[in-house]
Amino acid sequence: MRGMGNMQNMMKQMQKMQKKMAEAQEELGQKKIEGTAGGGMVTVVVTGHKEIVEVKIKEEVVDPDDIEMLQDLVLAATNDALRKADELTSSTMGQFTKGLNLPPGFM
């Protein structure tokens, strides 16, 4: 019968871990991550859930004759913010999968 006790214990541990993971996911959603381009001319703010919450564009970068440059800066700032959000997610959630030897793509 000892095997059953171990199984129950393992299930309890998994439930605790799931709860902590859910809390960490929720915290990620509260975090604000900034991406910038053009030396801070364009700033994009995303949450840890990769939701864009703010776009700031400095007036001096707005040139009606060069909309393409502005679009490129917004794109670059957005990609910068999303990359930083990915890094934050990896470091935050990675603590839960360390040492579990889960197959790739499991989480």
N, C-alpha and C. Protein backbone atom coordinates (compact mmCIF):
# COMPACT_ATOMS: atom_id res chain seq x y z
N MET A 1 0.82 -1.21 0.00
CA MET A 1 0.00 0.00 0.00
C MET A 1 0.86 1.27 0.00
N ARG A 2 2.16 1.11 0.23
CA ARG A 2 3.01 2.30 0.28
C ARG A 2 3.00 3.08 -1.03
N GLY A 3 2.85 2.39 -2.13
CA GLY A 3 2.84 3.03 -3.45
C GLY A 3 1.72 4.04 -3.58
N MET A 4 0.56 3.74 -2.97
CA MET A 4 -0.59 4.65 -3.04
C MET A 4 -0.29 5.96 -2.31
N GLY A 5 0.35 5.87 -1.17
CA GLY A 5 0.71 7.07 -0.40
C GLY A 5 1.63 7.97 -1.19
N ASN A 6 2.60 7.36 -1.87
CA ASN A 6 3.52 8.12 -2.70
C ASN A 6 2.78 8.82 -3.83
N MET A 7 1.83 8.10 -4.42
CA MET A 7 1.06 8.65 -5.53
C MET A 7 0.23 9.85 -5.05
N GLN A 8 -0.42 9.70 -3.90
CA GLN A 8 -1.22 10.81 -3.35
C GLN A 8 -0.33 12.01 -3.04
N ASN A 9 0.82 11.73 -2.47
CA ASN A 9 1.77 12.79 -2.14
C ASN A 9 2.20 13.52 -3.41
N MET A 10 2.49 12.75 -4.45
CA MET A 10 2.91 13.34 -5.71
C MET A 10 1.79 14.20 -6.30
N MET A 11 0.56 13.73 -6.19
CA MET A 11 -0.59 14.49 -6.71
C MET A 11 -0.74 15.80 -5.95
N LYS A 12 -0.54 15.76 -4.63
CA LYS A 12 -0.61 16.98 -3.82
C LYS A 12 0.46 17.97 -4.26
N GLN A 13 1.67 17.44 -4.48
CA GLN A 13 2.78 18.29 -4.93
C GLN A 13 2.45 18.94 -6.28
N MET A 14 1.87 18.15 -7.18
CA MET A 14 1.50 18.66 -8.51
C MET A 14 0.44 19.76 -8.38
N GLN A 15 -0.54 19.55 -7.50
CA GLN A 15 -1.59 20.55 -7.31
C GLN A 15 -1.00 21.85 -6.77
N LYS A 16 -0.06 21.73 -5.82
CA LYS A 16 0.61 22.92 -5.27
C LYS A 16 1.35 23.65 -6.38
N MET A 17 2.06 22.88 -7.20
CA MET A 17 2.83 23.48 -8.28
C MET A 17 1.91 24.16 -9.29
N GLN A 18 0.79 23.51 -9.60
CA GLN A 18 -0.17 24.11 -10.55
C GLN A 18 -0.69 25.43 -10.01
N LYS A 19 -0.97 25.48 -8.71
CA LYS A 19 -1.47 26.70 -8.10
C LYS A 19 -0.40 27.81 -8.20
N LYS A 20 0.84 27.45 -7.89
CA LYS A 20 1.93 28.43 -7.98
C LYS A 20 2.13 28.90 -9.42
N MET A 21 2.00 27.97 -10.37
CA MET A 21 2.15 28.33 -11.78
C MET A 21 1.04 29.30 -12.20
N ALA A 22 -0.18 29.04 -11.75
CA ALA A 22 -1.31 29.91 -12.08
C ALA A 22 -1.09 31.31 -11.50
N GLU A 23 -0.57 31.35 -10.27
CA GLU A 23 -0.28 32.64 -9.64
C GLU A 23 0.81 33.38 -10.41
N ALA A 24 1.84 32.65 -10.84
CA ALA A 24 2.93 33.27 -11.59
C ALA A 24 2.42 33.79 -12.93
N GLN A 25 1.53 33.01 -13.57
CA GLN A 25 0.94 33.45 -14.85
C GLN A 25 0.16 34.74 -14.65
N GLU A 26 -0.60 34.79 -13.57
CA GLU A 26 -1.40 35.98 -13.28
C GLU A 26 -0.49 37.18 -13.04
N GLU A 27 0.59 36.96 -12.30
CA GLU A 27 1.54 38.05 -12.04
C GLU A 27 2.16 38.55 -13.34
N LEU A 28 2.44 37.63 -14.25
CA LEU A 28 3.01 38.03 -15.54
C LEU A 28 2.06 39.00 -16.26
N GLY A 29 0.77 38.73 -16.14
CA GLY A 29 -0.23 39.59 -16.79
C GLY A 29 -0.24 40.99 -16.21
N GLN A 30 0.22 41.13 -14.96
CA GLN A 30 0.25 42.45 -14.31
C GLN A 30 1.51 43.23 -14.67
N LYS A 31 2.55 42.51 -15.10
CA LYS A 31 3.82 43.16 -15.39
C LYS A 31 3.74 43.99 -16.68
N LYS A 32 4.44 45.11 -16.67
CA LYS A 32 4.51 45.97 -17.85
C LYS A 32 5.95 45.95 -18.37
N ILE A 33 6.11 45.65 -19.65
CA ILE A 33 7.42 45.55 -20.25
C ILE A 33 7.50 46.57 -21.39
N GLU A 34 8.57 47.34 -21.39
CA GLU A 34 8.75 48.38 -22.41
C GLU A 34 9.72 47.95 -23.48
N GLY A 35 9.34 48.21 -24.73
CA GLY A 35 10.25 48.04 -25.84
C GLY A 35 10.42 49.40 -26.48
N THR A 36 11.64 49.71 -26.95
CA THR A 36 11.86 51.02 -27.55
C THR A 36 12.59 50.89 -28.88
N ALA A 37 12.51 51.95 -29.66
CA ALA A 37 13.24 52.02 -30.92
C ALA A 37 13.55 53.47 -31.19
N GLY A 38 14.55 53.69 -32.05
CA GLY A 38 14.93 55.06 -32.41
C GLY A 38 15.42 55.84 -31.22
N GLY A 39 16.16 55.20 -30.33
CA GLY A 39 16.70 55.89 -29.17
C GLY A 39 15.61 56.43 -28.25
N GLY A 40 14.51 55.69 -28.14
CA GLY A 40 13.43 56.10 -27.25
C GLY A 40 12.38 56.97 -27.93
N MET A 41 12.51 57.16 -29.24
CA MET A 41 11.51 57.95 -29.98
C MET A 41 10.16 57.25 -29.99
N VAL A 42 10.19 55.92 -30.05
CA VAL A 42 8.97 55.13 -30.02
C VAL A 42 9.09 54.11 -28.89
N THR A 43 8.05 54.05 -28.05
CA THR A 43 8.01 53.10 -26.95
C THR A 43 6.71 52.32 -27.03
N VAL A 44 6.81 51.01 -26.90
CA VAL A 44 5.64 50.14 -26.87
C VAL A 44 5.67 49.40 -25.54
N VAL A 45 4.53 49.41 -24.85
CA VAL A 45 4.43 48.74 -23.55
C VAL A 45 3.49 47.55 -23.71
N VAL A 46 3.98 46.37 -23.27
CA VAL A 46 3.17 45.16 -23.32
C VAL A 46 3.10 44.56 -21.91
N THR A 47 2.10 43.70 -21.70
CA THR A 47 2.03 42.96 -20.45
C THR A 47 2.82 41.67 -20.63
N GLY A 48 3.01 40.95 -19.52
CA GLY A 48 3.66 39.65 -19.59
C GLY A 48 2.86 38.64 -20.40
N HIS A 49 1.59 38.96 -20.67
CA HIS A 49 0.76 38.10 -21.52
C HIS A 49 0.79 38.55 -22.97
N LYS A 50 1.72 39.44 -23.29
CA LYS A 50 1.93 39.94 -24.66
C LYS A 50 0.73 40.75 -25.19
N GLU A 51 0.09 41.46 -24.31
CA GLU A 51 -0.98 42.35 -24.72
C GLU A 51 -0.40 43.76 -24.78
N ILE A 52 -0.53 44.41 -25.93
CA ILE A 52 -0.01 45.76 -26.07
C ILE A 52 -0.95 46.71 -25.34
N VAL A 53 -0.41 47.47 -24.38
CA VAL A 53 -1.24 48.35 -23.57
C VAL A 53 -0.96 49.82 -23.82
N GLU A 54 0.17 50.11 -24.46
CA GLU A 54 0.49 51.52 -24.69
C GLU A 54 1.49 51.66 -25.83
N VAL A 55 1.29 52.69 -26.65
CA VAL A 55 2.24 53.05 -27.69
C VAL A 55 2.52 54.54 -27.53
N LYS A 56 3.79 54.89 -27.34
CA LYS A 56 4.16 56.31 -27.20
C LYS A 56 5.07 56.69 -28.37
N ILE A 57 4.73 57.79 -29.03
CA ILE A 57 5.53 58.26 -30.16
C ILE A 57 5.88 59.72 -29.89
N LYS A 58 7.17 60.03 -29.87
CA LYS A 58 7.59 61.42 -29.65
C LYS A 58 7.28 62.23 -30.91
N GLU A 59 6.81 63.44 -30.67
CA GLU A 59 6.36 64.32 -31.74
C GLU A 59 7.40 64.52 -32.84
N GLU A 60 8.66 64.67 -32.42
CA GLU A 60 9.70 64.99 -33.41
C GLU A 60 9.99 63.87 -34.41
N VAL A 61 9.52 62.66 -34.13
CA VAL A 61 9.76 61.55 -35.06
C VAL A 61 8.65 61.43 -36.11
N VAL A 62 7.59 62.21 -35.92
CA VAL A 62 6.46 62.17 -36.86
C VAL A 62 6.76 63.07 -38.05
N ASP A 63 7.04 62.42 -39.18
CA ASP A 63 7.34 63.15 -40.41
C ASP A 63 6.36 62.67 -41.48
N PRO A 64 5.40 63.52 -41.88
CA PRO A 64 4.40 63.11 -42.86
C PRO A 64 5.02 62.63 -44.17
N ASP A 65 6.26 63.06 -44.45
CA ASP A 65 6.93 62.64 -45.69
C ASP A 65 7.67 61.32 -45.53
N ASP A 66 7.74 60.81 -44.30
CA ASP A 66 8.45 59.56 -44.08
C ASP A 66 7.68 58.67 -43.10
N ILE A 67 6.48 58.29 -43.50
CA ILE A 67 5.63 57.43 -42.68
C ILE A 67 6.29 56.05 -42.50
N GLU A 68 7.01 55.60 -43.53
CA GLU A 68 7.64 54.28 -43.47
C GLU A 68 8.62 54.17 -42.29
N MET A 69 9.39 55.23 -42.04
CA MET A 69 10.34 55.19 -40.93
C MET A 69 9.60 55.03 -39.61
N LEU A 70 8.51 55.77 -39.46
CA LEU A 70 7.70 55.68 -38.24
C LEU A 70 7.14 54.27 -38.07
N GLN A 71 6.63 53.71 -39.15
CA GLN A 71 6.10 52.34 -39.10
C GLN A 71 7.19 51.36 -38.68
N ASP A 72 8.39 51.53 -39.24
CA ASP A 72 9.52 50.65 -38.89
C ASP A 72 9.87 50.77 -37.41
N LEU A 73 9.85 52.01 -36.89
CA LEU A 73 10.17 52.21 -35.48
C LEU A 73 9.12 51.57 -34.58
N VAL A 74 7.85 51.71 -34.93
CA VAL A 74 6.77 51.10 -34.14
C VAL A 74 6.93 49.57 -34.16
N LEU A 75 7.23 49.03 -35.34
CA LEU A 75 7.44 47.59 -35.48
C LEU A 75 8.62 47.12 -34.63
N ALA A 76 9.72 47.86 -34.71
CA ALA A 76 10.93 47.49 -33.96
C ALA A 76 10.67 47.57 -32.45
N ALA A 77 9.99 48.62 -32.00
CA ALA A 77 9.70 48.76 -30.57
C ALA A 77 8.77 47.65 -30.09
N THR A 78 7.79 47.29 -30.93
CA THR A 78 6.85 46.21 -30.58
C THR A 78 7.59 44.88 -30.47
N ASN A 79 8.44 44.58 -31.43
CA ASN A 79 9.20 43.33 -31.39
C ASN A 79 10.15 43.30 -30.20
N ASP A 80 10.72 44.45 -29.85
CA ASP A 80 11.61 44.54 -28.68
C ASP A 80 10.83 44.21 -27.41
N ALA A 81 9.64 44.80 -27.28
CA ALA A 81 8.81 44.56 -26.10
C ALA A 81 8.38 43.10 -26.02
N LEU A 82 7.98 42.51 -27.15
CA LEU A 82 7.53 41.11 -27.15
C LEU A 82 8.68 40.17 -26.82
N ARG A 83 9.88 40.47 -27.32
CA ARG A 83 11.05 39.64 -27.02
C ARG A 83 11.33 39.68 -25.51
N LYS A 84 11.26 40.89 -24.93
CA LYS A 84 11.49 41.02 -23.49
C LYS A 84 10.40 40.29 -22.70
N ALA A 85 9.16 40.33 -23.19
CA ALA A 85 8.07 39.61 -22.52
C ALA A 85 8.32 38.11 -22.56
N ASP A 86 8.81 37.61 -23.70
CA ASP A 86 9.15 36.18 -23.83
C ASP A 86 10.23 35.80 -22.83
N GLU A 87 11.26 36.64 -22.71
CA GLU A 87 12.35 36.35 -21.77
C GLU A 87 11.84 36.31 -20.34
N LEU A 88 10.97 37.26 -20.00
CA LEU A 88 10.41 37.30 -18.66
C LEU A 88 9.57 36.04 -18.39
N THR A 89 8.76 35.66 -19.37
CA THR A 89 7.92 34.46 -19.23
C THR A 89 8.79 33.22 -19.06
N SER A 90 9.84 33.11 -19.88
CA SER A 90 10.73 31.95 -19.78
C SER A 90 11.39 31.86 -18.41
N SER A 91 11.89 33.01 -17.92
CA SER A 91 12.57 32.95 -16.63
C SER A 91 11.58 32.73 -15.48
N THR A 92 10.38 33.29 -15.61
CA THR A 92 9.37 33.12 -14.55
C THR A 92 8.83 31.70 -14.52
N MET A 93 8.43 31.18 -15.68
CA MET A 93 7.80 29.87 -15.73
C MET A 93 8.84 28.74 -15.73
N GLY A 94 10.06 29.05 -16.15
CA GLY A 94 11.11 28.03 -16.21
C GLY A 94 11.41 27.42 -14.87
N GLN A 95 11.22 28.18 -13.79
CA GLN A 95 11.50 27.67 -12.45
C GLN A 95 10.61 26.48 -12.11
N PHE A 96 9.44 26.38 -12.76
CA PHE A 96 8.52 25.27 -12.45
C PHE A 96 8.87 24.00 -13.20
N THR A 97 9.52 24.13 -14.34
CA THR A 97 9.80 22.95 -15.16
C THR A 97 11.21 22.43 -14.94
N LYS A 98 12.05 23.20 -14.20
CA LYS A 98 13.42 22.75 -13.92
C LYS A 98 13.39 21.39 -13.21
N GLY A 99 14.17 20.46 -13.71
CA GLY A 99 14.32 19.19 -13.02
C GLY A 99 13.16 18.23 -13.22
N LEU A 100 12.15 18.62 -14.01
CA LEU A 100 11.02 17.70 -14.22
C LEU A 100 11.23 16.76 -15.40
N ASN A 101 12.20 17.10 -16.27
CA ASN A 101 12.47 16.30 -17.46
C ASN A 101 11.22 16.09 -18.30
N LEU A 102 10.47 17.16 -18.51
CA LEU A 102 9.28 17.07 -19.35
C LEU A 102 9.69 17.08 -20.82
N PRO A 103 8.93 16.38 -21.65
CA PRO A 103 9.27 16.40 -23.07
C PRO A 103 9.10 17.83 -23.64
N PRO A 104 9.87 18.20 -24.66
CA PRO A 104 9.75 19.54 -25.24
C PRO A 104 8.31 19.82 -25.67
N GLY A 105 7.88 21.04 -25.42
CA GLY A 105 6.52 21.42 -25.81
C GLY A 105 5.43 20.98 -24.85
N PHE A 106 5.81 20.34 -23.74
CA PHE A 106 4.82 19.84 -22.79
C PHE A 106 4.10 20.98 -22.08
N MET A 107 4.84 22.05 -21.76
CA MET A 107 4.24 23.16 -21.00
C MET A 107 3.74 24.21 -21.93
